[in-house]
N, C-alpha and C. Protein backbone atom coordinates (compact mmCIF):
# COMPACT_ATOMS: atom_id res chain seq x y z
N MET A 1 68.72 138.99 65.86
CA MET A 1 69.10 138.46 67.35
C MET A 1 68.07 139.03 68.30
N ILE A 2 67.30 140.00 68.25
CA ILE A 2 66.20 140.37 69.39
C ILE A 2 65.32 139.44 69.28
N LEU A 3 64.99 138.51 68.12
CA LEU A 3 63.81 137.74 68.38
C LEU A 3 64.59 136.24 68.97
N ALA A 4 66.07 135.89 69.11
CA ALA A 4 66.17 134.92 69.73
C ALA A 4 66.24 134.99 71.15
N VAL A 5 66.58 136.46 71.66
CA VAL A 5 66.43 137.09 73.05
C VAL A 5 64.96 136.76 73.46
N LEU A 6 63.92 137.35 72.57
CA LEU A 6 62.54 137.14 72.85
C LEU A 6 62.31 135.77 73.38
N PHE A 7 62.79 135.01 72.12
CA PHE A 7 62.37 133.42 72.17
C PHE A 7 62.98 132.85 73.52
N ALA A 8 64.06 133.25 74.01
CA ALA A 8 64.96 132.62 75.17
C ALA A 8 64.09 133.12 76.41
N THR A 9 63.78 134.26 76.43
CA THR A 9 63.03 134.72 77.83
C THR A 9 61.90 134.16 77.56
N ALA A 10 61.16 133.93 76.76
CA ALA A 10 59.61 133.62 76.78
C ALA A 10 59.78 132.19 77.26
N CYS A 11 60.71 131.32 76.79
CA CYS A 11 61.07 129.58 77.17
C CYS A 11 61.30 129.85 78.78
N SER A 12 62.10 130.65 79.22
CA SER A 12 62.51 130.43 80.42
C SER A 12 61.61 131.09 81.68
N SER A 13 60.74 131.89 81.10
CA SER A 13 59.79 132.43 81.92
C SER A 13 58.12 132.16 81.93
N SER A 14 58.24 130.98 80.97
CA SER A 14 57.09 130.33 80.90
C SER A 14 56.38 129.47 81.95
N GLY A 15 57.56 129.26 83.01
CA GLY A 15 57.29 128.14 83.93
C GLY A 15 57.41 126.63 83.71
N ASP A 16 57.63 126.13 82.59
CA ASP A 16 57.37 124.96 81.91
C ASP A 16 58.81 124.59 82.16
N THR A 17 59.01 123.72 83.13
CA THR A 17 60.27 122.83 83.54
C THR A 17 60.23 121.32 83.13
N PRO A 18 60.99 120.88 82.14
CA PRO A 18 61.03 119.21 82.12
C PRO A 18 60.91 118.53 83.03
N PRO A 19 60.04 117.29 83.43
CA PRO A 19 59.82 116.55 84.61
C PRO A 19 61.46 115.96 84.88
N GLU A 20 61.37 115.50 86.00
CA GLU A 20 62.83 114.84 86.47
C GLU A 20 62.32 113.47 85.88
N THR A 21 63.46 112.59 85.59
CA THR A 21 63.21 111.58 85.21
C THR A 21 63.61 110.62 86.63
N PRO A 22 63.34 109.55 86.63
CA PRO A 22 63.40 108.32 87.93
C PRO A 22 65.22 108.27 88.10
N SER A 23 65.67 108.47 86.68
CA SER A 23 66.97 107.76 86.67
C SER A 23 67.86 108.88 86.91
N SER A 24 67.64 110.55 86.47
CA SER A 24 68.23 111.30 86.72
C SER A 24 68.23 111.50 88.51
N ASN A 25 67.14 111.49 89.15
CA ASN A 25 67.07 111.65 90.68
C ASN A 25 67.66 110.45 91.13
N ALA A 26 67.65 109.46 90.97
CA ALA A 26 68.54 108.05 91.28
C ALA A 26 70.20 108.34 91.50
N SER A 27 70.29 108.97 90.28
CA SER A 27 72.10 109.33 90.54
C SER A 27 72.35 110.42 91.29
N ALA A 28 71.53 111.42 91.46
CA ALA A 28 71.77 112.33 92.65
C ALA A 28 71.94 111.70 94.00
N GLU A 29 71.55 111.00 94.47
CA GLU A 29 71.51 110.33 95.82
C GLU A 29 72.81 109.30 95.70
N PRO A 30 73.78 109.16 96.66
CA PRO A 30 74.67 108.42 96.98
C PRO A 30 74.48 107.11 97.29
N THR A 31 74.92 105.98 96.69
CA THR A 31 74.58 104.85 97.23
C THR A 31 75.29 104.52 98.61
N PRO A 32 74.49 104.05 99.74
CA PRO A 32 75.24 104.01 101.05
C PRO A 32 76.45 102.66 100.86
N GLY A 33 77.34 102.92 101.38
CA GLY A 33 78.65 102.16 101.44
C GLY A 33 78.22 101.17 102.66
N LEU A 34 79.80 100.59 103.05
CA LEU A 34 79.83 99.68 104.17
C LEU A 34 80.71 100.32 105.19
N HIS A 35 81.07 101.59 105.18
CA HIS A 35 82.03 102.10 106.35
C HIS A 35 81.12 102.20 107.49
N ASP A 36 80.06 102.99 107.48
CA ASP A 36 79.08 103.32 108.47
C ASP A 36 78.66 102.24 109.35
N GLU A 37 78.10 101.33 108.49
CA GLU A 37 77.53 99.96 109.11
C GLU A 37 78.50 99.21 110.03
N TRP A 38 79.75 99.04 109.46
CA TRP A 38 80.57 98.05 109.92
C TRP A 38 81.43 98.98 111.09
N ALA A 39 81.89 100.22 110.80
CA ALA A 39 82.17 101.09 112.09
C ALA A 39 81.76 100.63 113.20
N GLY A 40 80.53 101.04 112.70
CA GLY A 40 79.59 100.70 114.32
C GLY A 40 79.36 99.64 115.03
N ARG A 41 79.74 98.16 114.10
CA ARG A 41 79.96 96.88 114.44
C ARG A 41 81.26 97.08 115.34
N PHE A 42 82.48 97.42 114.62
CA PHE A 42 83.68 97.56 115.39
C PHE A 42 83.85 98.19 116.42
N ASP A 43 82.99 99.42 116.24
CA ASP A 43 83.19 100.24 117.19
C ASP A 43 82.39 99.63 118.70
N ILE A 44 81.49 98.80 118.71
CA ILE A 44 80.89 98.20 119.95
C ILE A 44 81.99 97.11 120.46
N LEU A 45 82.33 96.60 119.64
CA LEU A 45 83.20 95.68 119.87
C LEU A 45 84.70 95.89 120.63
N THR A 46 84.87 97.26 120.22
CA THR A 46 86.15 97.68 121.01
C THR A 46 86.21 98.30 122.09
N LYS A 47 84.58 98.70 122.50
CA LYS A 47 84.42 99.56 123.42
C LYS A 47 84.21 98.60 124.69
N ILE A 48 84.18 97.10 124.73
CA ILE A 48 84.06 96.21 125.35
C ILE A 48 85.34 96.05 126.37
N SER A 49 85.96 97.13 126.52
CA SER A 49 87.09 97.17 127.58
C SER A 49 88.47 96.00 127.48
N GLY A 50 88.65 96.44 126.08
CA GLY A 50 89.60 95.47 125.73
C GLY A 50 91.17 95.29 126.16
N GLU A 51 91.40 96.76 126.08
CA GLU A 51 92.93 96.75 126.31
C GLU A 51 93.17 96.13 127.86
N PRO A 52 92.46 96.34 128.64
CA PRO A 52 93.27 95.60 129.99
C PRO A 52 92.87 94.08 130.04
N ARG A 53 92.20 93.62 129.29
CA ARG A 53 91.91 92.26 129.02
C ARG A 53 93.09 91.87 128.39
N CYS A 54 93.72 92.46 127.26
CA CYS A 54 94.80 92.02 126.74
C CYS A 54 96.22 92.66 127.17
N ALA A 55 96.20 93.32 127.92
CA ALA A 55 97.42 94.28 128.30
C ALA A 55 98.77 93.35 129.04
N GLY A 56 99.60 93.45 128.68
CA GLY A 56 100.52 92.74 129.13
C GLY A 56 100.61 91.39 129.38
N GLU A 57 101.03 90.22 130.26
CA GLU A 57 100.77 88.73 130.18
C GLU A 57 99.36 88.50 129.92
N LYS A 58 98.32 89.38 130.37
CA LYS A 58 97.09 89.05 129.93
C LYS A 58 96.62 88.59 128.45
N VAL A 59 97.70 89.07 127.33
CA VAL A 59 97.26 88.45 126.13
C VAL A 59 97.47 87.20 125.95
N ARG A 60 98.10 86.30 126.76
CA ARG A 60 98.22 84.65 126.95
C ARG A 60 97.20 84.13 127.92
N THR A 61 95.79 84.65 127.61
CA THR A 61 94.57 84.46 128.48
C THR A 61 93.55 84.23 127.36
N LYS A 62 92.54 83.33 128.08
CA LYS A 62 90.99 82.95 127.50
C LYS A 62 90.65 84.36 127.23
N ASP A 63 90.62 85.21 128.43
CA ASP A 63 90.15 86.35 128.32
C ASP A 63 90.18 87.34 127.47
N CYS A 64 91.40 87.28 127.21
CA CYS A 64 91.91 87.96 125.90
C CYS A 64 91.18 87.25 124.62
N ALA A 65 91.69 86.28 124.43
CA ALA A 65 91.23 85.48 123.09
C ALA A 65 89.66 85.80 123.20
N ASN A 66 88.78 85.86 124.23
CA ASN A 66 87.23 85.78 124.26
C ASN A 66 87.10 87.36 123.86
N TYR A 67 87.91 88.24 123.91
CA TYR A 67 87.94 89.57 123.46
C TYR A 67 88.12 89.86 122.10
N LEU A 68 89.28 88.86 121.51
CA LEU A 68 89.72 88.97 119.88
C LEU A 68 88.65 88.38 119.12
N THR A 69 88.04 87.29 119.52
CA THR A 69 87.46 86.46 118.80
C THR A 69 85.94 86.96 118.23
N PRO A 70 85.26 87.82 119.01
CA PRO A 70 84.08 88.60 118.07
C PRO A 70 84.94 89.29 117.11
N ILE A 71 85.76 90.03 117.25
CA ILE A 71 86.44 91.09 116.37
C ILE A 71 86.59 90.47 115.00
N ALA A 72 87.43 89.07 115.46
CA ALA A 72 87.96 88.38 114.22
C ALA A 72 86.78 88.07 113.60
N GLN A 73 85.69 87.31 114.15
CA GLN A 73 84.59 87.07 113.52
C GLN A 73 83.85 88.18 112.60
N THR A 74 83.77 89.22 113.06
CA THR A 74 83.18 90.28 112.30
C THR A 74 84.05 90.77 111.30
N ALA A 75 85.31 90.71 111.27
CA ALA A 75 86.12 90.77 110.12
C ALA A 75 86.01 90.05 109.26
N ALA A 76 85.74 88.61 109.48
CA ALA A 76 85.28 87.40 108.65
C ALA A 76 84.26 87.60 107.76
N ALA A 77 83.27 88.27 108.69
CA ALA A 77 82.04 88.49 108.11
C ALA A 77 81.88 89.73 106.92
N LEU A 78 82.66 90.79 107.61
CA LEU A 78 82.75 91.70 106.45
C LEU A 78 83.50 91.17 105.19
N GLU A 79 84.56 90.56 105.39
CA GLU A 79 85.02 90.09 104.25
C GLU A 79 84.23 89.34 103.29
N GLY A 80 83.28 88.51 104.10
CA GLY A 80 82.31 87.87 102.97
C GLY A 80 81.64 88.84 102.04
N LYS A 81 81.04 89.75 103.09
CA LYS A 81 80.10 90.59 102.79
C LYS A 81 80.66 91.66 101.28
N ILE A 82 81.79 91.88 101.66
CA ILE A 82 82.63 92.77 100.45
C ILE A 82 82.93 91.46 99.28
N GLN A 83 83.33 90.32 99.63
CA GLN A 83 83.30 89.28 98.34
C GLN A 83 81.95 89.13 97.75
N GLU A 84 80.80 89.04 98.56
CA GLU A 84 79.57 89.07 97.53
C GLU A 84 78.84 90.50 96.67
N SER A 85 79.94 91.29 96.77
CA SER A 85 79.24 92.67 96.60
C SER A 85 79.72 92.82 95.21
N PRO A 86 78.96 93.65 94.28
CA PRO A 86 79.10 93.67 92.72
C PRO A 86 80.38 94.93 92.78
N ASP A 87 80.32 95.44 93.85
CA ASP A 87 81.54 96.27 93.99
C ASP A 87 83.05 95.71 94.36
N ALA A 88 83.00 94.49 94.79
CA ALA A 88 84.07 94.12 95.40
C ALA A 88 85.30 94.63 94.96
N ALA A 89 85.73 94.70 93.63
CA ALA A 89 86.99 95.35 93.20
C ALA A 89 87.40 96.53 93.89
N LEU A 90 86.41 97.51 94.04
CA LEU A 90 86.61 98.75 94.74
C LEU A 90 87.27 98.64 96.36
N TYR A 91 87.02 97.54 96.57
CA TYR A 91 87.33 97.18 98.17
C TYR A 91 88.77 96.29 98.30
N VAL A 92 89.74 96.29 97.23
CA VAL A 92 90.61 95.33 97.56
C VAL A 92 91.72 95.80 98.31
N ASP A 93 91.73 96.91 98.75
CA ASP A 93 92.49 97.07 99.81
C ASP A 93 92.34 96.91 101.01
N THR A 94 90.86 96.82 101.40
CA THR A 94 90.34 96.56 102.63
C THR A 94 90.21 94.91 102.71
N LEU A 95 90.07 94.26 101.54
CA LEU A 95 90.25 92.88 101.65
C LEU A 95 91.51 92.47 102.14
N ALA A 96 92.53 92.97 101.53
CA ALA A 96 93.88 92.63 101.73
C ALA A 96 94.21 92.83 103.52
N GLU A 97 93.76 93.96 104.21
CA GLU A 97 93.81 94.38 105.56
C GLU A 97 93.19 93.23 106.28
N LEU A 98 91.84 92.42 105.59
CA LEU A 98 91.12 91.73 106.41
C LEU A 98 91.90 90.27 106.62
N LYS A 99 92.56 90.67 105.48
CA LYS A 99 93.53 89.02 105.31
C LYS A 99 94.79 88.79 106.35
N GLU A 100 94.99 90.00 106.64
CA GLU A 100 96.18 90.39 107.48
C GLU A 100 95.78 90.14 108.82
N MET A 101 94.65 90.58 109.04
CA MET A 101 93.83 90.49 110.27
C MET A 101 93.27 88.87 110.60
N ALA A 102 93.00 88.28 109.47
CA ALA A 102 92.87 86.76 109.68
C ALA A 102 94.05 85.97 109.96
N PHE A 103 95.12 86.36 109.43
CA PHE A 103 96.60 85.53 109.38
C PHE A 103 97.09 85.79 110.90
N ALA A 104 96.69 87.04 111.42
CA ALA A 104 97.46 87.23 112.72
C ALA A 104 96.19 86.28 114.02
N ARG A 105 94.97 86.20 113.46
CA ARG A 105 94.12 85.42 114.37
C ARG A 105 94.75 83.70 114.21
N GLU A 106 94.81 83.41 113.03
CA GLU A 106 95.49 82.30 112.78
C GLU A 106 96.82 81.94 113.58
N ILE A 107 97.67 82.99 113.49
CA ILE A 107 98.80 82.67 114.45
C ILE A 107 98.84 82.77 115.77
N TYR A 108 97.99 83.63 116.24
CA TYR A 108 97.36 83.70 117.66
C TYR A 108 96.94 82.60 118.18
N THR A 109 96.18 81.73 117.39
CA THR A 109 95.49 80.49 117.67
C THR A 109 96.73 79.47 117.65
N GLU A 110 97.63 79.46 116.65
CA GLU A 110 98.47 78.15 116.56
C GLU A 110 99.54 78.26 117.67
N LEU A 111 99.69 79.56 118.11
CA LEU A 111 100.79 79.93 119.25
C LEU A 111 100.11 79.42 120.64
N LYS A 112 98.93 79.17 120.46
CA LYS A 112 98.02 78.72 121.69
C LYS A 112 98.19 79.86 122.62
N CYS A 113 98.15 81.24 122.52
CA CYS A 113 98.19 82.34 123.14
C CYS A 113 97.32 82.33 124.28
N ALA A 114 95.86 81.73 123.97
CA ALA A 114 94.86 81.79 124.84
C ALA A 114 95.38 80.80 126.02
N ASP A 115 95.74 79.74 125.84
CA ASP A 115 96.29 78.81 127.21
C ASP A 115 97.66 79.17 127.52
N GLY A 116 98.38 80.53 127.49
CA GLY A 116 99.63 80.85 127.99
C GLY A 116 100.62 80.37 126.96
N GLY A 117 100.43 79.61 125.98
CA GLY A 117 101.48 79.26 125.10
C GLY A 117 102.01 80.72 124.27
N GLY A 118 102.95 80.41 123.62
CA GLY A 118 103.71 81.53 122.60
C GLY A 118 104.52 82.28 123.67
N THR A 119 105.21 83.17 122.87
CA THR A 119 106.07 84.23 123.88
C THR A 119 105.00 85.30 124.23
N LEU A 120 105.66 86.17 124.97
CA LEU A 120 104.77 87.54 125.42
C LEU A 120 104.81 88.39 123.78
N ASP A 121 105.81 88.60 123.77
CA ASP A 121 106.14 89.44 122.17
C ASP A 121 105.42 88.86 121.02
N ALA A 122 105.41 87.40 120.79
CA ALA A 122 104.63 86.93 119.88
C ALA A 122 103.07 87.03 119.82
N CYS A 123 102.53 86.83 120.92
CA CYS A 123 101.19 86.87 121.19
C CYS A 123 100.67 88.45 121.26
N GLN A 124 101.57 89.45 121.89
CA GLN A 124 101.19 90.88 121.69
C GLN A 124 101.52 91.24 120.09
N ARG A 125 102.27 90.65 119.39
CA ARG A 125 102.06 91.15 118.05
C ARG A 125 101.02 90.32 117.32
N GLU A 126 100.52 89.40 117.51
CA GLU A 126 99.35 89.00 116.68
C GLU A 126 98.11 89.57 117.24
N MET A 127 97.96 89.81 118.54
CA MET A 127 96.80 90.58 119.04
C MET A 127 96.83 91.66 118.47
N LEU A 128 98.00 92.59 118.38
CA LEU A 128 98.08 94.14 117.74
C LEU A 128 97.55 94.00 116.49
N GLY A 129 97.76 92.75 115.52
CA GLY A 129 97.71 92.57 114.05
C GLY A 129 95.83 92.51 114.10
N ILE A 130 95.20 92.05 115.01
CA ILE A 130 94.18 91.86 114.81
C ILE A 130 93.20 93.14 115.32
N VAL A 131 93.63 93.66 116.44
CA VAL A 131 93.09 94.99 117.00
C VAL A 131 93.29 96.18 116.26
N GLY A 132 94.61 96.23 115.92
CA GLY A 132 95.39 97.58 115.08
C GLY A 132 94.88 97.33 113.67
N GLY A 133 94.33 96.40 112.93
CA GLY A 133 93.95 95.93 111.97
C GLY A 133 92.54 96.93 111.80
N ILE A 134 91.83 97.01 112.82
CA ILE A 134 90.73 97.93 112.47
C ILE A 134 90.67 99.39 111.84
N PRO A 135 91.34 100.16 112.50
CA PRO A 135 91.36 101.56 111.87
C PRO A 135 91.82 101.32 110.75
N VAL A 136 92.87 100.51 109.88
CA VAL A 136 93.38 100.47 108.52
C VAL A 136 92.18 99.90 107.74
N VAL A 137 91.47 98.91 108.16
CA VAL A 137 90.10 98.60 107.64
C VAL A 137 88.99 99.70 107.27
N LEU A 138 88.68 100.34 108.38
CA LEU A 138 87.78 101.60 108.23
C LEU A 138 88.29 102.61 107.55
N ALA A 139 89.55 102.61 107.26
CA ALA A 139 89.88 103.93 106.46
C ALA A 139 90.26 103.53 104.74
N THR A 140 89.90 102.26 104.91
CA THR A 140 90.28 101.53 103.43
C THR A 140 88.65 101.54 102.96
N LEU A 141 87.70 100.89 103.90
CA LEU A 141 86.19 101.18 103.61
C LEU A 141 85.80 102.32 103.26
N ARG A 142 86.23 103.67 104.17
CA ARG A 142 85.62 104.89 103.74
C ARG A 142 86.31 105.27 102.34
N THR A 143 87.35 104.81 101.92
CA THR A 143 87.95 105.32 100.78
C THR A 143 87.42 104.71 99.85
N ALA A 144 87.09 103.54 99.52
CA ALA A 144 86.28 102.40 98.87
C ALA A 144 84.77 103.25 98.37
N ASP A 145 84.17 103.89 99.55
CA ASP A 145 82.68 104.01 99.52
C ASP A 145 82.69 105.26 98.75
N LEU A 146 83.67 106.40 99.20
CA LEU A 146 83.88 107.64 98.27
C LEU A 146 84.04 107.16 96.64
N LYS A 147 84.60 106.34 96.55
CA LYS A 147 85.04 105.88 94.81
C LYS A 147 83.49 105.60 94.27
N ARG A 148 82.80 104.92 95.21
CA ARG A 148 81.61 104.31 94.74
C ARG A 148 80.55 105.67 94.23
N ARG A 149 80.61 106.62 94.89
CA ARG A 149 79.71 107.76 94.94
C ARG A 149 79.79 108.41 93.51
């Protein structure tokens, strides 16, 4: 027993530590996810004073449509990025919400809201489907990114 204690003490005090292997080092660092990059993109778009451009009857104008278009394009780009990712299965909830946003944009366009078409209620509902999808997309991105770590 004393011999075992002396051996353990000698090994621990010798200063010899096993070298770290690159694989053990790499697993300690989390892989960057999609949330931070895409949150910044959506944040920039939504800070372009969108609410006044789509408030009330303005939701049925080209100005509102011009505000919604880059949001919809960014959502489509994110969807493409996720579909190309080897981790796409983790982002199933995000993809579902992105599809909802795309559907809202489709209906907004079909109603011809940008040209004064559609009812005020219908155009507002679809506008909210586009803009209101952003926080849901970001929340599901964050959740999926955490699962990747």
